[in-house]
């Protein structure tokens, strides 16, 4: 996430909803990444 993108995101009308959705997407990515890492670790 670039700083300029974040600033433009904050300037928009529905910024709160978008930021909330973005953080939800980020946490989902984190969970899937950790799941992949754990499965790789247990497989090896």
PDB file of N, CA and C in Angstrom:
ATOM      1  N   UNK A   1       0.852  -1.198   0.000  1.00  0.00           N
ATOM      2  CA  UNK A   1       0.000   0.000   0.000  1.00  0.00           C
ATOM      3  C   UNK A   1       0.882   1.241   0.000  1.00  0.00           C
ATOM      4  N   UNK A   2       0.758   2.019  -1.054  1.00  0.00           N
ATOM      5  CA  UNK A   2       1.544   3.249  -1.144  1.00  0.00           C
ATOM      6  C   UNK A   2       0.902   4.353  -0.328  1.00  0.00           C
ATOM      7  N   UNK A   3       1.719   5.285   0.133  1.00  0.00           N
ATOM      8  CA  UNK A   3       1.225   6.380   0.969  1.00  0.00           C
ATOM      9  C   UNK A   3       0.270   7.262   0.183  1.00  0.00           C
ATOM     10  N   UNK A   4       0.588   7.511  -1.091  1.00  0.00           N
ATOM     11  CA  UNK A   4      -0.273   8.359  -1.923  1.00  0.00           C
ATOM     12  C   UNK A   4      -1.646   7.715  -2.109  1.00  0.00           C
ATOM     13  N   UNK A   5      -1.656   6.380  -2.269  1.00  0.00           N
ATOM     14  CA  UNK A   5      -2.912   5.659  -2.405  1.00  0.00           C
ATOM     15  C   UNK A   5      -3.741   5.786  -1.133  1.00  0.00           C
ATOM     16  N   UNK A   6      -3.066   5.712   0.008  1.00  0.00           N
ATOM     17  CA  UNK A   6      -3.751   5.797   1.295  1.00  0.00           C
ATOM     18  C   UNK A   6      -4.342   7.184   1.487  1.00  0.00           C
ATOM     19  N   UNK A   7      -3.588   8.218   1.081  1.00  0.00           N
ATOM     20  CA  UNK A   7      -4.061   9.598   1.218  1.00  0.00           C
ATOM     21  C   UNK A   7      -5.283   9.823   0.331  1.00  0.00           C
ATOM     22  N   UNK A   8      -5.221   9.350  -0.913  1.00  0.00           N
ATOM     23  CA  UNK A   8      -6.358   9.506  -1.814  1.00  0.00           C
ATOM     24  C   UNK A   8      -7.555   8.721  -1.287  1.00  0.00           C
ATOM     25  N   UNK A   9      -7.271   7.584  -0.651  1.00  0.00           N
ATOM     26  CA  UNK A   9      -8.334   6.759  -0.069  1.00  0.00           C
ATOM     27  C   UNK A   9      -9.025   7.522   1.057  1.00  0.00           C
ATOM     28  N   UNK A  10      -8.234   8.220   1.882  1.00  0.00           N
ATOM     29  CA  UNK A  10      -8.793   8.965   3.003  1.00  0.00           C
ATOM     30  C   UNK A  10      -9.617  10.155   2.525  1.00  0.00           C
ATOM     31  N   UNK A  11      -9.272  10.694   1.351  1.00  0.00           N
ATOM     32  CA  UNK A  11      -9.981  11.870   0.843  1.00  0.00           C
ATOM     33  C   UNK A  11     -11.371  11.517   0.315  1.00  0.00           C
ATOM     34  N   UNK A  12     -11.569  10.264  -0.056  1.00  0.00           N
ATOM     35  CA  UNK A  12     -12.848   9.861  -0.636  1.00  0.00           C
ATOM     36  C   UNK A  12     -13.960   9.847   0.407  1.00  0.00           C
ATOM     37  N   UNK A  13     -15.206   9.897  -0.115  1.00  0.00           N
ATOM     38  CA  UNK A  13     -16.378   9.991   0.766  1.00  0.00           C
ATOM     39  C   UNK A  13     -16.498   8.781   1.685  1.00  0.00           C
ATOM     40  N   UNK A  14     -16.464   7.597   1.097  1.00  0.00           N
ATOM     41  CA  UNK A  14     -16.660   6.374   1.879  1.00  0.00           C
ATOM     42  C   UNK A  14     -15.329   5.812   2.356  1.00  0.00           C
ATOM     43  N   UNK A  15     -14.446   6.691   2.802  1.00  0.00           N
ATOM     44  CA  UNK A  15     -13.093   6.259   3.190  1.00  0.00           C
ATOM     45  C   UNK A  15     -13.137   5.296   4.371  1.00  0.00           C
ATOM     46  N   UNK A  16     -14.017   5.559   5.330  1.00  0.00           N
ATOM     47  CA  UNK A  16     -14.092   4.696   6.520  1.00  0.00           C
ATOM     48  C   UNK A  16     -14.445   3.272   6.116  1.00  0.00           C
ATOM     49  N   UNK A  17     -15.432   3.139   5.232  1.00  0.00           N
ATOM     50  CA  UNK A  17     -15.853   1.811   4.784  1.00  0.00           C
ATOM     51  C   UNK A  17     -14.731   1.141   4.008  1.00  0.00           C
ATOM     52  N   UNK A  18     -14.058   1.919   3.149  1.00  0.00           N
ATOM     53  CA  UNK A  18     -12.998   1.358   2.316  1.00  0.00           C
ATOM     54  C   UNK A  18     -11.813   0.925   3.166  1.00  0.00           C
ATOM     55  N   UNK A  19     -11.441   1.741   4.140  1.00  0.00           N
ATOM     56  CA  UNK A  19     -10.319   1.397   5.013  1.00  0.00           C
ATOM     57  C   UNK A  19     -10.658   0.161   5.840  1.00  0.00           C
ATOM     58  N   UNK A  20     -11.912   0.086   6.294  1.00  0.00           N
ATOM     59  CA  UNK A  20     -12.340  -1.071   7.074  1.00  0.00           C
ATOM     60  C   UNK A  20     -12.276  -2.332   6.213  1.00  0.00           C
ATOM     61  N   UNK A  21     -12.753  -2.209   4.955  1.00  0.00           N
ATOM     62  CA  UNK A  21     -12.722  -3.345   4.045  1.00  0.00           C
ATOM     63  C   UNK A  21     -11.286  -3.732   3.733  1.00  0.00           C
ATOM     64  N   UNK A  22     -10.410  -2.718   3.579  1.00  0.00           N
ATOM     65  CA  UNK A  22      -9.008  -2.977   3.266  1.00  0.00           C
ATOM     66  C   UNK A  22      -8.331  -3.722   4.408  1.00  0.00           C
ATOM     67  N   UNK A  23      -8.584  -3.299   5.642  1.00  0.00           N
ATOM     68  CA  UNK A  23      -7.976  -3.968   6.794  1.00  0.00           C
ATOM     69  C   UNK A  23      -8.507  -5.395   6.924  1.00  0.00           C
ATOM     70  N   UNK A  24      -9.803  -5.581   6.614  1.00  0.00           N
ATOM     71  CA  UNK A  24     -10.376  -6.927   6.653  1.00  0.00           C
ATOM     72  C   UNK A  24      -9.692  -7.816   5.624  1.00  0.00           C
ATOM     73  N   UNK A  25      -9.461  -7.264   4.427  1.00  0.00           N
ATOM     74  CA  UNK A  25      -8.790  -8.026   3.370  1.00  0.00           C
ATOM     75  C   UNK A  25      -7.354  -8.343   3.780  1.00  0.00           C
ATOM     76  N   UNK A  26      -6.690  -7.383   4.409  1.00  0.00           N
ATOM     77  CA  UNK A  26      -5.310  -7.580   4.839  1.00  0.00           C
ATOM     78  C   UNK A  26      -5.210  -8.676   5.895  1.00  0.00           C
ATOM     79  N   UNK A  27      -6.130  -8.664   6.869  1.00  0.00           N
ATOM     80  CA  UNK A  27      -6.109  -9.688   7.913  1.00  0.00           C
ATOM     81  C   UNK A  27      -6.412 -11.063   7.315  1.00  0.00           C
ATOM     82  N   UNK A  28      -7.315 -11.107   6.327  1.00  0.00           N
ATOM     83  CA  UNK A  28      -7.623 -12.373   5.665  1.00  0.00           C
ATOM     84  C   UNK A  28      -6.384 -12.888   4.941  1.00  0.00           C
ATOM     85  N   UNK A  29      -5.652 -11.977   4.280  1.00  0.00           N
ATOM     86  CA  UNK A  29      -4.413 -12.368   3.598  1.00  0.00           C
ATOM     87  C   UNK A  29      -3.405 -12.896   4.606  1.00  0.00           C
ATOM     88  N   UNK A  30      -3.299 -12.224   5.754  1.00  0.00           N
ATOM     89  CA  UNK A  30      -2.361 -12.646   6.786  1.00  0.00           C
ATOM     90  C   UNK A  30      -2.691 -14.042   7.288  1.00  0.00           C
ATOM     91  N   UNK A  31      -3.990 -14.279   7.534  1.00  0.00           N
ATOM     92  CA  UNK A  31      -4.401 -15.588   8.041  1.00  0.00           C
ATOM     93  C   UNK A  31      -4.113 -16.683   7.032  1.00  0.00           C
ATOM     94  N   UNK A  32      -4.394 -16.423   5.747  1.00  0.00           N
ATOM     95  CA  UNK A  32      -4.144 -17.436   4.721  1.00  0.00           C
ATOM     96  C   UNK A  32      -2.644 -17.681   4.584  1.00  0.00           C
ATOM     97  N   UNK A  33      -1.852 -16.598   4.680  1.00  0.00           N
ATOM     98  CA  UNK A  33      -0.398 -16.738   4.579  1.00  0.00           C
ATOM     99  C   UNK A  33       0.152 -17.582   5.726  1.00  0.00           C
ATOM    100  N   UNK A  34      -0.300 -17.301   6.950  1.00  0.00           N
ATOM    101  CA  UNK A  34       0.176 -18.064   8.103  1.00  0.00           C
ATOM    102  C   UNK A  34      -0.280 -19.522   7.992  1.00  0.00           C
ATOM    103  N   UNK A  35      -1.493 -19.724   7.453  1.00  0.00           N
ATOM    104  CA  UNK A  35      -1.992 -21.087   7.263  1.00  0.00           C
ATOM    105  C   UNK A  35      -1.118 -21.854   6.292  1.00  0.00           C
ATOM    106  N   UNK A  36      -0.718 -21.194   5.203  1.00  0.00           N
ATOM    107  CA  UNK A  36       0.148 -21.825   4.206  1.00  0.00           C
ATOM    108  C   UNK A  36       1.505 -22.142   4.825  1.00  0.00           C
ATOM    109  N   UNK A  37       2.031 -21.183   5.591  1.00  0.00           N
ATOM    110  CA  UNK A  37       3.333 -21.396   6.231  1.00  0.00           C
ATOM    111  C   UNK A  37       3.276 -22.577   7.199  1.00  0.00           C
ATOM    112  N   UNK A  38       2.211 -22.648   7.989  1.00  0.00           N
ATOM    113  CA  UNK A  38       2.087 -23.732   8.963  1.00  0.00           C
ATOM    114  C   UNK A  38       1.953 -25.083   8.264  1.00  0.00           C
ATOM    115  N   UNK A  39       1.146 -25.118   7.181  1.00  0.00           N
ATOM    116  CA  UNK A  39       0.966 -26.383   6.466  1.00  0.00           C
ATOM    117  C   UNK A  39       2.281 -26.828   5.831  1.00  0.00           C
ATOM    118  N   UNK A  40       3.052 -25.855   5.307  1.00  0.00           N
ATOM    119  CA  UNK A  40       4.348 -26.189   4.714  1.00  0.00           C
ATOM    120  C   UNK A  40       5.293 -26.722   5.780  1.00  0.00           C
ATOM    121  N   UNK A  41       5.265 -26.099   6.949  1.00  0.00           N
ATOM    122  CA  UNK A  41       6.156 -26.501   8.037  1.00  0.00           C
ATOM    123  C   UNK A  41       5.821 -27.912   8.523  1.00  0.00           C
ATOM    124  N   UNK A  42       4.518 -28.214   8.617  1.00  0.00           N
ATOM    125  CA  UNK A  42       4.118 -29.522   9.117  1.00  0.00           C
ATOM    126  C   UNK A  42       4.321 -30.613   8.067  1.00  0.00           C
ATOM    127  N   UNK A  43       4.214 -30.231   6.783  1.00  0.00           N
ATOM    128  CA  UNK A  43       4.432 -31.211   5.718  1.00  0.00           C
ATOM    129  C   UNK A  43       5.901 -31.598   5.640  1.00  0.00           C
ATOM    130  N   UNK A  44       6.783 -30.620   5.850  1.00  0.00           N
ATOM    131  CA  UNK A  44       8.228 -30.866   5.735  1.00  0.00           C
ATOM    132  C   UNK A  44       8.777 -31.428   7.054  1.00  0.00           C
TER     133      UNK A  44
END
